[in-house]
């Protein structure tokens, strides 16, 4: 299965990108964190871990566990239901275990506050950054835009860029348009007697 382009909003939220590392499309399931080297590549690719040795199985399992917890919390937000207290506690435990470092960065331009993982426990800091991003998504300006893809069979989440957006990607939108076109075409065919 070819990997679809990122879902709408993933460029704004690494926690949304994490949640979308596991999904189902009509073509079948996709698992982007299937093994430790894939998990390390994902973390490195999103600037959450330095390049280096791969994670072990237990660390990869912890990343997938945070992904599933965030997925459940995002689903509760989308559905307008109360979150499971255990899931809220799990995210808070990740944050309490290793708060992100807030540092001042002042290059040639304006000073900015940045969040960076510490060198001693890169996975702990990456998980904390992802948890903090997830809390920001749930409570911030984009919270009301969080939505599930409207394509039957697709389980990806997205941020709606406008009220009419229903699909996570152009691919899913094209799939729906093709189905509608085929249905309309078959309705126009004259019946032979």
C-alpha atoms as a PDB file:
ATOM      1  CA  UNK A   1       0.000   0.000   0.000  1.00  0.00           C
ATOM      2  CA  UNK A   2       1.387   3.389  -0.893  1.00  0.00           C
ATOM      3  CA  UNK A   3       1.435   5.903   1.932  1.00  0.00           C
ATOM      4  CA  UNK A   4      -0.995   8.779   1.415  1.00  0.00           C
ATOM      5  CA  UNK A   5       0.126  12.357   1.754  1.00  0.00           C
ATOM      6  CA  UNK A   6      -0.125  13.829   5.245  1.00  0.00           C
ATOM      7  CA  UNK A   7      -3.639  14.565   6.431  1.00  0.00           C
ATOM      8  CA  UNK A   8      -4.813  18.153   6.593  1.00  0.00           C
ATOM      9  CA  UNK A   9      -3.372  19.809   9.691  1.00  0.00           C
ATOM     10  CA  UNK A  10      -0.459  17.456  10.313  1.00  0.00           C
ATOM     11  CA  UNK A  11       1.916  20.296   9.473  1.00  0.00           C
ATOM     12  CA  UNK A  12       0.482  22.188  12.456  1.00  0.00           C
ATOM     13  CA  UNK A  13       0.480  19.355  14.974  1.00  0.00           C
ATOM     14  CA  UNK A  14       3.005  16.586  15.527  1.00  0.00           C
ATOM     15  CA  UNK A  15       0.545  14.806  17.815  1.00  0.00           C
ATOM     16  CA  UNK A  16      -1.966  14.657  14.943  1.00  0.00           C
ATOM     17  CA  UNK A  17       0.805  13.304  12.701  1.00  0.00           C
ATOM     18  CA  UNK A  18       1.570  10.692  15.377  1.00  0.00           C
ATOM     19  CA  UNK A  19      -2.073   9.620  15.612  1.00  0.00           C
ATOM     20  CA  UNK A  20      -2.132   9.223  11.838  1.00  0.00           C
ATOM     21  CA  UNK A  21       0.780   6.768  11.826  1.00  0.00           C
ATOM     22  CA  UNK A  22      -1.844   4.025  12.162  1.00  0.00           C
ATOM     23  CA  UNK A  23      -4.947   4.065  10.028  1.00  0.00           C
ATOM     24  CA  UNK A  24      -7.183   2.067   7.772  1.00  0.00           C
ATOM     25  CA  UNK A  25      -8.095   3.006   4.244  1.00  0.00           C
ATOM     26  CA  UNK A  26     -10.284   1.043   1.881  1.00  0.00           C
ATOM     27  CA  UNK A  27      -7.048  -0.459   0.498  1.00  0.00           C
ATOM     28  CA  UNK A  28      -6.088  -1.891   3.883  1.00  0.00           C
ATOM     29  CA  UNK A  29      -4.384  -1.065   7.188  1.00  0.00           C
ATOM     30  CA  UNK A  30      -1.208   0.963   7.576  1.00  0.00           C
ATOM     31  CA  UNK A  31       1.142   0.914  10.573  1.00  0.00           C
ATOM     32  CA  UNK A  32       3.870   3.549  10.430  1.00  0.00           C
ATOM     33  CA  UNK A  33       5.474   2.466  13.719  1.00  0.00           C
ATOM     34  CA  UNK A  34       5.605  -1.250  12.966  1.00  0.00           C
ATOM     35  CA  UNK A  35       9.151  -1.739  14.238  1.00  0.00           C
ATOM     36  CA  UNK A  36      11.735   0.187  16.280  1.00  0.00           C
ATOM     37  CA  UNK A  37      13.656   1.548  13.280  1.00  0.00           C
ATOM     38  CA  UNK A  38      10.426   2.936  11.785  1.00  0.00           C
ATOM     39  CA  UNK A  39       9.586   4.580  15.122  1.00  0.00           C
ATOM     40  CA  UNK A  40      13.062   6.139  15.323  1.00  0.00           C
ATOM     41  CA  UNK A  41      12.808   7.360  11.729  1.00  0.00           C
ATOM     42  CA  UNK A  42       9.417   8.936  12.474  1.00  0.00           C
ATOM     43  CA  UNK A  43      10.737  10.704  15.594  1.00  0.00           C
ATOM     44  CA  UNK A  44      13.852  11.903  13.779  1.00  0.00           C
ATOM     45  CA  UNK A  45      11.856  13.004  10.746  1.00  0.00           C
ATOM     46  CA  UNK A  46       9.652  15.157  12.962  1.00  0.00           C
ATOM     47  CA  UNK A  47      12.571  16.705  14.808  1.00  0.00           C
ATOM     48  CA  UNK A  48      11.738  14.937  18.069  1.00  0.00           C
ATOM     49  CA  UNK A  49      14.858  12.809  18.427  1.00  0.00           C
ATOM     50  CA  UNK A  50      18.443  13.016  17.283  1.00  0.00           C
ATOM     51  CA  UNK A  51      19.642  10.600  14.652  1.00  0.00           C
ATOM     52  CA  UNK A  52      21.218   7.619  16.258  1.00  0.00           C
ATOM     53  CA  UNK A  53      20.525   4.087  17.361  1.00  0.00           C
ATOM     54  CA  UNK A  54      17.059   2.685  16.873  1.00  0.00           C
ATOM     55  CA  UNK A  55      14.635   2.376  19.729  1.00  0.00           C
ATOM     56  CA  UNK A  56      14.070  -0.951  21.407  1.00  0.00           C
ATOM     57  CA  UNK A  57      10.733  -2.800  21.360  1.00  0.00           C
ATOM     58  CA  UNK A  58       9.641  -1.465  24.755  1.00  0.00           C
ATOM     59  CA  UNK A  59      10.326   2.144  23.717  1.00  0.00           C
ATOM     60  CA  UNK A  60       8.461   1.646  20.452  1.00  0.00           C
ATOM     61  CA  UNK A  61       5.546   0.194  22.416  1.00  0.00           C
ATOM     62  CA  UNK A  62       5.504   3.314  24.627  1.00  0.00           C
ATOM     63  CA  UNK A  63       5.327   5.562  21.551  1.00  0.00           C
ATOM     64  CA  UNK A  64       2.458   3.485  20.132  1.00  0.00           C
ATOM     65  CA  UNK A  65       0.722   3.579  23.537  1.00  0.00           C
ATOM     66  CA  UNK A  66       0.865   7.389  23.584  1.00  0.00           C
ATOM     67  CA  UNK A  67      -0.440   7.394  20.006  1.00  0.00           C
ATOM     68  CA  UNK A  68      -3.468   5.287  20.985  1.00  0.00           C
ATOM     69  CA  UNK A  69      -4.128   7.411  24.077  1.00  0.00           C
ATOM     70  CA  UNK A  70      -4.050  10.610  22.006  1.00  0.00           C
ATOM     71  CA  UNK A  71      -6.271   8.996  19.355  1.00  0.00           C
ATOM     72  CA  UNK A  72      -8.845   8.178  22.028  1.00  0.00           C
ATOM     73  CA  UNK A  73      -8.689  11.700  23.480  1.00  0.00           C
ATOM     74  CA  UNK A  74      -9.002  13.276  20.028  1.00  0.00           C
ATOM     75  CA  UNK A  75     -11.938  10.947  19.305  1.00  0.00           C
ATOM     76  CA  UNK A  76     -13.654  12.056  22.499  1.00  0.00           C
ATOM     77  CA  UNK A  77     -13.142  15.706  21.512  1.00  0.00           C
ATOM     78  CA  UNK A  78     -14.502  15.091  18.017  1.00  0.00           C
ATOM     79  CA  UNK A  79     -17.469  13.151  19.396  1.00  0.00           C
ATOM     80  CA  UNK A  80     -18.195  15.701  22.118  1.00  0.00           C
ATOM     81  CA  UNK A  81     -17.955  13.047  24.826  1.00  0.00           C
ATOM     82  CA  UNK A  82     -16.074  12.959  28.108  1.00  0.00           C
ATOM     83  CA  UNK A  83     -12.591  11.510  27.959  1.00  0.00           C
ATOM     84  CA  UNK A  84     -11.674   8.393  29.858  1.00  0.00           C
ATOM     85  CA  UNK A  85     -10.010   9.585  33.108  1.00  0.00           C
ATOM     86  CA  UNK A  86      -7.321   6.926  32.720  1.00  0.00           C
ATOM     87  CA  UNK A  87      -6.318   8.344  29.331  1.00  0.00           C
ATOM     88  CA  UNK A  88      -6.149  11.863  30.736  1.00  0.00           C
ATOM     89  CA  UNK A  89      -4.002  10.559  33.594  1.00  0.00           C
ATOM     90  CA  UNK A  90      -1.732   8.732  31.134  1.00  0.00           C
ATOM     91  CA  UNK A  91      -1.020  11.911  29.150  1.00  0.00           C
ATOM     92  CA  UNK A  92      -0.444  13.875  32.342  1.00  0.00           C
ATOM     93  CA  UNK A  93       1.953  11.176  33.586  1.00  0.00           C
ATOM     94  CA  UNK A  94       4.005  11.477  30.398  1.00  0.00           C
ATOM     95  CA  UNK A  95       4.249  15.229  30.942  1.00  0.00           C
ATOM     96  CA  UNK A  96       5.063  14.924  34.636  1.00  0.00           C
ATOM     97  CA  UNK A  97       7.751  12.333  33.918  1.00  0.00           C
ATOM     98  CA  UNK A  98       9.802  14.634  31.734  1.00  0.00           C
ATOM     99  CA  UNK A  99       8.655  18.184  31.082  1.00  0.00           C
ATOM    100  CA  UNK A 100      10.002  19.686  27.848  1.00  0.00           C
ATOM    101  CA  UNK A 101      12.838  22.173  28.103  1.00  0.00           C
ATOM    102  CA  UNK A 102      11.769  25.691  27.217  1.00  0.00           C
ATOM    103  CA  UNK A 103      14.775  27.530  25.870  1.00  0.00           C
ATOM    104  CA  UNK A 104      15.487  30.938  24.418  1.00  0.00           C
ATOM    105  CA  UNK A 105      16.732  30.951  20.831  1.00  0.00           C
ATOM    106  CA  UNK A 106      18.019  34.216  19.475  1.00  0.00           C
ATOM    107  CA  UNK A 107      19.789  33.902  16.175  1.00  0.00           C
ATOM    108  CA  UNK A 108      20.010  36.696  13.631  1.00  0.00           C
ATOM    109  CA  UNK A 109      16.298  37.471  13.916  1.00  0.00           C
ATOM    110  CA  UNK A 110      13.883  37.967  16.773  1.00  0.00           C
ATOM    111  CA  UNK A 111      14.132  36.048  20.032  1.00  0.00           C
ATOM    112  CA  UNK A 112      11.807  33.056  20.235  1.00  0.00           C
ATOM    113  CA  UNK A 113      10.916  30.461  22.844  1.00  0.00           C
ATOM    114  CA  UNK A 114      11.568  26.926  21.669  1.00  0.00           C
ATOM    115  CA  UNK A 115      10.858  23.515  23.131  1.00  0.00           C
ATOM    116  CA  UNK A 116      13.738  21.092  22.887  1.00  0.00           C
ATOM    117  CA  UNK A 117      14.338  17.586  24.184  1.00  0.00           C
ATOM    118  CA  UNK A 118      17.138  17.202  26.660  1.00  0.00           C
ATOM    119  CA  UNK A 119      20.156  15.059  25.851  1.00  0.00           C
ATOM    120  CA  UNK A 120      19.789  12.607  28.735  1.00  0.00           C
ATOM    121  CA  UNK A 121      16.445  11.018  27.909  1.00  0.00           C
ATOM    122  CA  UNK A 122      15.529  11.720  24.283  1.00  0.00           C
ATOM    123  CA  UNK A 123      12.528   9.374  24.177  1.00  0.00           C
ATOM    124  CA  UNK A 124      11.087  10.795  27.411  1.00  0.00           C
ATOM    125  CA  UNK A 125      11.376  14.304  26.045  1.00  0.00           C
ATOM    126  CA  UNK A 126       9.915  13.311  22.672  1.00  0.00           C
ATOM    127  CA  UNK A 127       6.915  11.722  24.393  1.00  0.00           C
ATOM    128  CA  UNK A 128       6.483  14.825  26.567  1.00  0.00           C
ATOM    129  CA  UNK A 129       6.635  17.106  23.520  1.00  0.00           C
ATOM    130  CA  UNK A 130       4.025  14.962  21.756  1.00  0.00           C
ATOM    131  CA  UNK A 131       1.792  14.941  24.848  1.00  0.00           C
ATOM    132  CA  UNK A 132       2.110  18.712  25.212  1.00  0.00           C
ATOM    133  CA  UNK A 133       1.287  19.186  21.531  1.00  0.00           C
ATOM    134  CA  UNK A 134      -1.757  16.924  21.960  1.00  0.00           C
ATOM    135  CA  UNK A 135      -2.985  18.975  24.918  1.00  0.00           C
ATOM    136  CA  UNK A 136      -2.441  22.117  22.869  1.00  0.00           C
ATOM    137  CA  UNK A 137      -4.497  20.669  20.034  1.00  0.00           C
ATOM    138  CA  UNK A 138      -7.300  19.630  22.380  1.00  0.00           C
ATOM    139  CA  UNK A 139      -7.478  22.998  24.130  1.00  0.00           C
ATOM    140  CA  UNK A 140      -6.117  25.518  21.632  1.00  0.00           C
ATOM    141  CA  UNK A 141      -7.386  27.525  18.711  1.00  0.00           C
ATOM    142  CA  UNK A 142      -7.591  24.491  16.411  1.00  0.00           C
ATOM    143  CA  UNK A 143      -9.600  22.279  18.782  1.00  0.00           C
ATOM    144  CA  UNK A 144     -12.892  22.952  17.017  1.00  0.00           C
ATOM    145  CA  UNK A 145     -11.338  22.036  13.665  1.00  0.00           C
ATOM    146  CA  UNK A 146     -10.327  18.524  14.737  1.00  0.00           C
ATOM    147  CA  UNK A 147     -12.338  16.006  12.701  1.00  0.00           C
ATOM    148  CA  UNK A 148     -12.373  12.470  11.361  1.00  0.00           C
ATOM    149  CA  UNK A 149     -12.058  11.922   7.622  1.00  0.00           C
ATOM    150  CA  UNK A 150     -15.483  11.516   6.037  1.00  0.00           C
ATOM    151  CA  UNK A 151     -14.386   8.880   3.521  1.00  0.00           C
ATOM    152  CA  UNK A 152     -15.933   5.503   4.368  1.00  0.00           C
ATOM    153  CA  UNK A 153     -13.205   3.171   5.562  1.00  0.00           C
ATOM    154  CA  UNK A 154     -10.611   5.893   6.279  1.00  0.00           C
ATOM    155  CA  UNK A 155      -9.706   6.261   9.956  1.00  0.00           C
ATOM    156  CA  UNK A 156      -7.361   9.246   9.737  1.00  0.00           C
ATOM    157  CA  UNK A 157      -7.963  12.432  11.676  1.00  0.00           C
ATOM    158  CA  UNK A 158      -7.451  15.945  10.348  1.00  0.00           C
ATOM    159  CA  UNK A 159      -7.874  19.627  11.017  1.00  0.00           C
ATOM    160  CA  UNK A 160     -10.543  21.204   8.872  1.00  0.00           C
ATOM    161  CA  UNK A 161      -9.233  24.219   7.004  1.00  0.00           C
ATOM    162  CA  UNK A 162     -12.818  25.284   6.279  1.00  0.00           C
ATOM    163  CA  UNK A 163     -16.288  24.121   7.305  1.00  0.00           C
ATOM    164  CA  UNK A 164     -16.910  22.258   4.041  1.00  0.00           C
ATOM    165  CA  UNK A 165     -13.759  20.111   4.312  1.00  0.00           C
ATOM    166  CA  UNK A 166     -14.720  16.476   4.869  1.00  0.00           C
ATOM    167  CA  UNK A 167     -11.666  14.533   3.676  1.00  0.00           C
ATOM    168  CA  UNK A 168      -8.210  14.149   5.171  1.00  0.00           C
ATOM    169  CA  UNK A 169      -6.446  14.348   1.809  1.00  0.00           C
ATOM    170  CA  UNK A 170      -6.907  14.913  -1.887  1.00  0.00           C
ATOM    171  CA  UNK A 171      -6.710  11.142  -2.329  1.00  0.00           C
ATOM    172  CA  UNK A 172      -9.750  10.539  -0.117  1.00  0.00           C
ATOM    173  CA  UNK A 173     -11.633  13.417  -1.761  1.00  0.00           C
ATOM    174  CA  UNK A 174     -10.895  12.022  -5.218  1.00  0.00           C
ATOM    175  CA  UNK A 175     -12.086   8.577  -4.112  1.00  0.00           C
ATOM    176  CA  UNK A 176     -15.451  10.010  -3.010  1.00  0.00           C
ATOM    177  CA  UNK A 177     -15.811  12.097  -6.184  1.00  0.00           C
ATOM    178  CA  UNK A 178     -15.092   9.011  -8.326  1.00  0.00           C
ATOM    179  CA  UNK A 179     -17.754   7.003  -6.485  1.00  0.00           C
ATOM    180  CA  UNK A 180     -20.281   9.823  -6.905  1.00  0.00           C
ATOM    181  CA  UNK A 181     -19.409  10.191 -10.588  1.00  0.00           C
ATOM    182  CA  UNK A 182     -19.841   6.457 -11.211  1.00  0.00           C
ATOM    183  CA  UNK A 183     -23.186   6.473  -9.377  1.00  0.00           C
ATOM    184  CA  UNK A 184     -24.414   9.479 -11.362  1.00  0.00           C
ATOM    185  CA  UNK A 185     -23.262   7.898 -14.618  1.00  0.00           C
ATOM    186  CA  UNK A 186     -25.086   4.657 -13.892  1.00  0.00           C
ATOM    187  CA  UNK A 187     -28.265   6.603 -13.095  1.00  0.00           C
ATOM    188  CA  UNK A 188     -28.083   8.315 -16.505  1.00  0.00           C
ATOM    189  CA  UNK A 189     -27.736   5.094 -18.504  1.00  0.00           C
ATOM    190  CA  UNK A 190     -30.907   4.278 -20.411  1.00  0.00           C
ATOM    191  CA  UNK A 191     -32.373   0.892 -19.675  1.00  0.00           C
ATOM    192  CA  UNK A 192     -32.846  -1.485 -22.593  1.00  0.00           C
ATOM    193  CA  UNK A 193     -36.224  -3.110 -22.994  1.00  0.00           C
END
